[in-house]
Amino acid sequence: MAAPQQQKLKVNGPVAVTANRLTDGAVVWRTRDGGWSVALADAAVVTTAEAALALLAEAGKRDLDAVGPYVAPVIVGADGALAPGNLRERIRVAGPTFELPH
């Protein structure tokens, strides 16, 4: 299987790069300044495959902060607010779909 950076990427709308933080597994989003944030609102959003591949390439250079980066769809609301663009990302952002035991 080819690495995500080597696959042909199709972008049909706004996307962002997401991964999991290495220290605790939290969902993180690649920011405009090249860092990571747990807030989707801070994500760098792009609309072309070339821009998405560039974000992904930068995100994958070092696996010290976050692991498993990939391109995920996002929804940009009329007010500019960002929301996850598919069910997988809604679950990742909201947390488990069941109550965890204490």
N, C-alpha and C. Protein backbone atom coordinates (compact mmCIF):
# COMPACT_ATOMS: atom_id res chain seq x y z
N MET A 1 0.85 -1.17 0.00
CA MET A 1 0.00 0.00 0.00
C MET A 1 0.89 1.23 0.00
N ALA A 2 0.55 2.21 -0.81
CA ALA A 2 1.33 3.44 -0.90
C ALA A 2 1.02 4.35 0.28
N ALA A 3 2.01 5.13 0.65
CA ALA A 3 1.81 6.11 1.72
C ALA A 3 0.81 7.15 1.24
N PRO A 4 0.07 7.79 2.16
CA PRO A 4 -0.93 8.78 1.75
C PRO A 4 -0.35 9.88 0.86
N GLN A 5 0.89 10.29 1.12
CA GLN A 5 1.50 11.34 0.33
C GLN A 5 1.75 10.90 -1.10
N GLN A 6 1.80 9.60 -1.36
CA GLN A 6 2.10 9.08 -2.68
C GLN A 6 0.83 8.75 -3.47
N GLN A 7 -0.30 8.78 -2.84
CA GLN A 7 -1.55 8.46 -3.52
C GLN A 7 -2.11 9.70 -4.20
N LYS A 8 -2.88 9.50 -5.24
CA LYS A 8 -3.54 10.61 -5.90
C LYS A 8 -4.68 11.07 -5.00
N LEU A 9 -4.67 12.34 -4.69
CA LEU A 9 -5.64 12.89 -3.76
C LEU A 9 -6.71 13.66 -4.53
N LYS A 10 -7.96 13.38 -4.23
CA LYS A 10 -9.07 14.11 -4.83
C LYS A 10 -9.66 15.02 -3.76
N VAL A 11 -9.76 16.28 -4.06
CA VAL A 11 -10.32 17.25 -3.12
C VAL A 11 -11.58 17.83 -3.74
N ASN A 12 -12.70 17.63 -3.07
CA ASN A 12 -13.99 18.13 -3.55
C ASN A 12 -14.59 19.06 -2.51
N GLY A 13 -13.91 20.14 -2.23
CA GLY A 13 -14.38 21.07 -1.23
C GLY A 13 -13.31 21.31 -0.19
N PRO A 14 -13.64 22.00 0.87
CA PRO A 14 -12.64 22.33 1.89
C PRO A 14 -12.17 21.10 2.66
N VAL A 15 -10.88 21.07 2.92
CA VAL A 15 -10.26 19.97 3.67
C VAL A 15 -9.23 20.54 4.64
N ALA A 16 -8.89 19.73 5.63
CA ALA A 16 -7.84 20.06 6.59
C ALA A 16 -7.05 18.79 6.87
N VAL A 17 -5.88 18.96 7.45
CA VAL A 17 -5.06 17.80 7.82
C VAL A 17 -5.25 17.54 9.31
N THR A 18 -5.53 16.30 9.64
CA THR A 18 -5.74 15.89 11.02
C THR A 18 -4.83 14.71 11.35
N ALA A 19 -4.61 14.51 12.63
CA ALA A 19 -3.77 13.41 13.11
C ALA A 19 -4.13 13.17 14.57
N ASN A 20 -3.32 12.36 15.24
CA ASN A 20 -3.47 12.15 16.68
C ASN A 20 -2.20 12.59 17.38
N ARG A 21 -2.37 13.33 18.47
CA ARG A 21 -1.22 13.79 19.24
C ARG A 21 -0.52 12.59 19.86
N LEU A 22 0.77 12.58 19.76
CA LEU A 22 1.56 11.44 20.20
C LEU A 22 1.50 11.24 21.72
N THR A 23 1.47 12.31 22.48
CA THR A 23 1.54 12.19 23.93
C THR A 23 0.29 11.59 24.57
N ASP A 24 -0.89 11.87 23.99
CA ASP A 24 -2.12 11.39 24.63
C ASP A 24 -3.19 10.88 23.66
N GLY A 25 -2.90 10.88 22.37
CA GLY A 25 -3.85 10.36 21.39
C GLY A 25 -4.95 11.32 20.99
N ALA A 26 -4.92 12.55 21.51
CA ALA A 26 -5.97 13.51 21.18
C ALA A 26 -5.99 13.82 19.69
N VAL A 27 -7.17 14.10 19.18
CA VAL A 27 -7.33 14.52 17.79
C VAL A 27 -6.76 15.92 17.66
N VAL A 28 -5.90 16.11 16.68
CA VAL A 28 -5.32 17.43 16.43
C VAL A 28 -5.46 17.80 14.96
N TRP A 29 -5.40 19.09 14.70
CA TRP A 29 -5.55 19.64 13.36
C TRP A 29 -4.34 20.50 13.04
N ARG A 30 -3.84 20.39 11.82
CA ARG A 30 -2.69 21.19 11.38
C ARG A 30 -3.12 22.64 11.25
N THR A 31 -2.34 23.54 11.83
CA THR A 31 -2.69 24.96 11.82
C THR A 31 -1.97 25.70 10.70
N ARG A 32 -2.41 26.93 10.47
CA ARG A 32 -1.82 27.76 9.42
C ARG A 32 -0.34 28.04 9.68
N ASP A 33 0.05 28.08 10.94
CA ASP A 33 1.45 28.37 11.25
C ASP A 33 2.33 27.12 11.35
N GLY A 34 1.78 25.97 10.97
CA GLY A 34 2.57 24.74 10.94
C GLY A 34 2.58 23.95 12.23
N GLY A 35 1.76 24.34 13.19
CA GLY A 35 1.67 23.60 14.44
C GLY A 35 0.46 22.68 14.44
N TRP A 36 0.11 22.23 15.62
CA TRP A 36 -1.06 21.36 15.80
C TRP A 36 -1.96 21.97 16.87
N SER A 37 -3.27 21.83 16.71
CA SER A 37 -4.22 22.32 17.69
C SER A 37 -5.33 21.30 17.88
N VAL A 38 -5.86 21.21 19.09
CA VAL A 38 -7.00 20.33 19.35
C VAL A 38 -8.30 21.00 18.89
N ALA A 39 -8.25 22.28 18.55
CA ALA A 39 -9.44 23.02 18.13
C ALA A 39 -9.55 23.02 16.60
N LEU A 40 -10.63 22.46 16.10
CA LEU A 40 -10.86 22.46 14.66
C LEU A 40 -10.88 23.88 14.11
N ALA A 41 -11.33 24.83 14.91
CA ALA A 41 -11.39 26.23 14.48
C ALA A 41 -10.02 26.78 14.08
N ASP A 42 -8.97 26.18 14.60
CA ASP A 42 -7.59 26.64 14.30
C ASP A 42 -7.01 26.00 13.05
N ALA A 43 -7.71 25.06 12.43
CA ALA A 43 -7.17 24.29 11.31
C ALA A 43 -6.93 25.15 10.08
N ALA A 44 -5.87 24.82 9.37
CA ALA A 44 -5.61 25.41 8.06
C ALA A 44 -6.52 24.69 7.07
N VAL A 45 -7.36 25.43 6.38
CA VAL A 45 -8.31 24.84 5.43
C VAL A 45 -7.88 25.20 4.02
N VAL A 46 -7.85 24.20 3.15
CA VAL A 46 -7.48 24.40 1.75
C VAL A 46 -8.54 23.74 0.88
N THR A 47 -8.51 24.10 -0.42
CA THR A 47 -9.55 23.58 -1.31
C THR A 47 -8.99 22.93 -2.58
N THR A 48 -7.67 22.78 -2.65
CA THR A 48 -7.08 22.13 -3.82
C THR A 48 -6.24 20.93 -3.37
N ALA A 49 -6.10 19.97 -4.26
CA ALA A 49 -5.29 18.79 -3.96
C ALA A 49 -3.83 19.19 -3.73
N GLU A 50 -3.32 20.12 -4.51
CA GLU A 50 -1.93 20.54 -4.36
C GLU A 50 -1.68 21.14 -2.97
N ALA A 51 -2.57 22.01 -2.53
CA ALA A 51 -2.42 22.63 -1.22
C ALA A 51 -2.57 21.59 -0.11
N ALA A 52 -3.50 20.65 -0.28
CA ALA A 52 -3.69 19.60 0.73
C ALA A 52 -2.46 18.71 0.81
N LEU A 53 -1.89 18.35 -0.34
CA LEU A 53 -0.68 17.53 -0.33
C LEU A 53 0.49 18.25 0.31
N ALA A 54 0.58 19.56 0.11
CA ALA A 54 1.65 20.34 0.74
C ALA A 54 1.49 20.33 2.26
N LEU A 55 0.27 20.54 2.75
CA LEU A 55 0.02 20.48 4.20
C LEU A 55 0.35 19.10 4.74
N LEU A 56 -0.06 18.08 4.03
CA LEU A 56 0.16 16.70 4.46
C LEU A 56 1.65 16.38 4.49
N ALA A 57 2.38 16.83 3.49
CA ALA A 57 3.83 16.57 3.44
C ALA A 57 4.53 17.23 4.62
N GLU A 58 4.18 18.45 4.93
CA GLU A 58 4.78 19.14 6.07
C GLU A 58 4.42 18.44 7.37
N ALA A 59 3.16 18.03 7.49
CA ALA A 59 2.70 17.37 8.72
C ALA A 59 3.40 16.04 8.94
N GLY A 60 3.75 15.35 7.86
CA GLY A 60 4.35 14.03 7.98
C GLY A 60 5.85 14.02 8.10
N LYS A 61 6.49 15.19 8.07
CA LYS A 61 7.95 15.23 8.13
C LYS A 61 8.50 14.74 9.46
N ARG A 62 7.78 15.04 10.54
CA ARG A 62 8.24 14.63 11.87
C ARG A 62 7.09 13.98 12.60
N ASP A 63 7.31 12.81 13.13
CA ASP A 63 6.29 12.13 13.92
C ASP A 63 6.56 12.30 15.42
N LEU A 64 7.06 13.48 15.80
CA LEU A 64 7.36 13.71 17.21
C LEU A 64 6.17 14.31 17.95
N ASP A 65 5.32 15.05 17.24
CA ASP A 65 4.19 15.71 17.88
C ASP A 65 2.87 14.98 17.61
N ALA A 66 2.68 14.56 16.36
CA ALA A 66 1.44 13.92 15.97
C ALA A 66 1.75 12.80 14.99
N VAL A 67 0.90 11.78 15.00
CA VAL A 67 1.12 10.62 14.13
C VAL A 67 -0.11 10.36 13.27
N GLY A 68 0.12 9.74 12.13
CA GLY A 68 -0.96 9.35 11.25
C GLY A 68 -1.69 10.48 10.57
N PRO A 69 -1.00 11.52 10.10
CA PRO A 69 -1.73 12.63 9.47
C PRO A 69 -2.42 12.20 8.18
N TYR A 70 -3.60 12.75 7.96
CA TYR A 70 -4.32 12.52 6.71
C TYR A 70 -5.24 13.70 6.44
N VAL A 71 -5.72 13.77 5.21
CA VAL A 71 -6.59 14.85 4.77
C VAL A 71 -8.03 14.47 5.07
N ALA A 72 -8.76 15.39 5.70
CA ALA A 72 -10.15 15.13 6.08
C ALA A 72 -11.03 16.27 5.60
N PRO A 73 -12.25 15.95 5.18
CA PRO A 73 -13.17 17.01 4.75
C PRO A 73 -13.67 17.82 5.94
N VAL A 74 -13.89 19.09 5.69
CA VAL A 74 -14.49 19.96 6.70
C VAL A 74 -15.61 20.76 6.04
N ILE A 75 -16.50 21.26 6.86
CA ILE A 75 -17.59 22.11 6.39
C ILE A 75 -17.32 23.51 6.92
N VAL A 76 -17.37 24.49 6.04
CA VAL A 76 -17.21 25.88 6.44
C VAL A 76 -18.60 26.50 6.45
N GLY A 77 -19.06 26.89 7.62
CA GLY A 77 -20.39 27.49 7.76
C GLY A 77 -20.44 28.89 7.19
N ALA A 78 -21.63 29.43 7.07
CA ALA A 78 -21.82 30.79 6.55
C ALA A 78 -21.08 31.81 7.39
N ASP A 79 -20.94 31.51 8.67
CA ASP A 79 -20.23 32.42 9.58
C ASP A 79 -18.73 32.14 9.64
N GLY A 80 -18.26 31.18 8.83
CA GLY A 80 -16.83 30.83 8.81
C GLY A 80 -16.45 29.76 9.81
N ALA A 81 -17.41 29.34 10.64
CA ALA A 81 -17.12 28.29 11.62
C ALA A 81 -16.87 26.97 10.91
N LEU A 82 -15.94 26.19 11.44
CA LEU A 82 -15.60 24.89 10.86
C LEU A 82 -16.31 23.77 11.60
N ALA A 83 -16.70 22.75 10.84
CA ALA A 83 -17.31 21.55 11.40
C ALA A 83 -16.74 20.34 10.66
N PRO A 84 -16.69 19.19 11.31
CA PRO A 84 -16.23 17.98 10.62
C PRO A 84 -17.09 17.70 9.39
N GLY A 85 -16.45 17.20 8.33
CA GLY A 85 -17.15 17.01 7.08
C GLY A 85 -17.70 15.63 6.82
N ASN A 86 -17.48 14.69 7.72
CA ASN A 86 -18.05 13.36 7.54
C ASN A 86 -18.24 12.70 8.91
N LEU A 87 -18.88 11.55 8.92
CA LEU A 87 -19.20 10.87 10.18
C LEU A 87 -17.95 10.51 10.97
N ARG A 88 -16.93 10.00 10.30
CA ARG A 88 -15.71 9.62 11.01
C ARG A 88 -15.13 10.80 11.79
N GLU A 89 -15.06 11.95 11.14
CA GLU A 89 -14.48 13.12 11.80
C GLU A 89 -15.39 13.66 12.90
N ARG A 90 -16.71 13.56 12.71
CA ARG A 90 -17.62 13.98 13.79
C ARG A 90 -17.39 13.13 15.03
N ILE A 91 -17.22 11.83 14.84
CA ILE A 91 -16.96 10.94 15.98
C ILE A 91 -15.60 11.26 16.61
N ARG A 92 -14.57 11.48 15.79
CA ARG A 92 -13.24 11.77 16.33
C ARG A 92 -13.26 13.07 17.14
N VAL A 93 -14.00 14.07 16.67
CA VAL A 93 -14.05 15.36 17.36
C VAL A 93 -14.89 15.28 18.63
N ALA A 94 -16.02 14.57 18.57
CA ALA A 94 -16.94 14.51 19.70
C ALA A 94 -16.55 13.48 20.75
N GLY A 95 -15.74 12.52 20.37
CA GLY A 95 -15.37 11.47 21.31
C GLY A 95 -16.19 10.21 21.08
N PRO A 96 -16.02 9.22 21.93
CA PRO A 96 -16.69 7.94 21.75
C PRO A 96 -18.21 8.08 21.65
N THR A 97 -18.82 7.15 20.95
CA THR A 97 -20.28 7.17 20.79
C THR A 97 -20.99 6.43 21.91
N PHE A 98 -20.24 6.01 22.92
CA PHE A 98 -20.82 5.34 24.09
C PHE A 98 -20.08 5.83 25.32
N GLU A 99 -20.71 5.67 26.46
CA GLU A 99 -20.09 6.11 27.71
C GLU A 99 -19.00 5.13 28.11
N LEU A 100 -17.84 5.69 28.41
CA LEU A 100 -16.72 4.86 28.82
C LEU A 100 -16.87 4.46 30.29
N PRO A 101 -16.46 3.24 30.64
CA PRO A 101 -16.56 2.81 32.06
C PRO A 101 -15.63 3.65 32.92
N HIS A 102 -16.01 3.82 34.15
CA HIS A 102 -15.19 4.62 35.09
C HIS A 102 -14.31 3.75 35.91
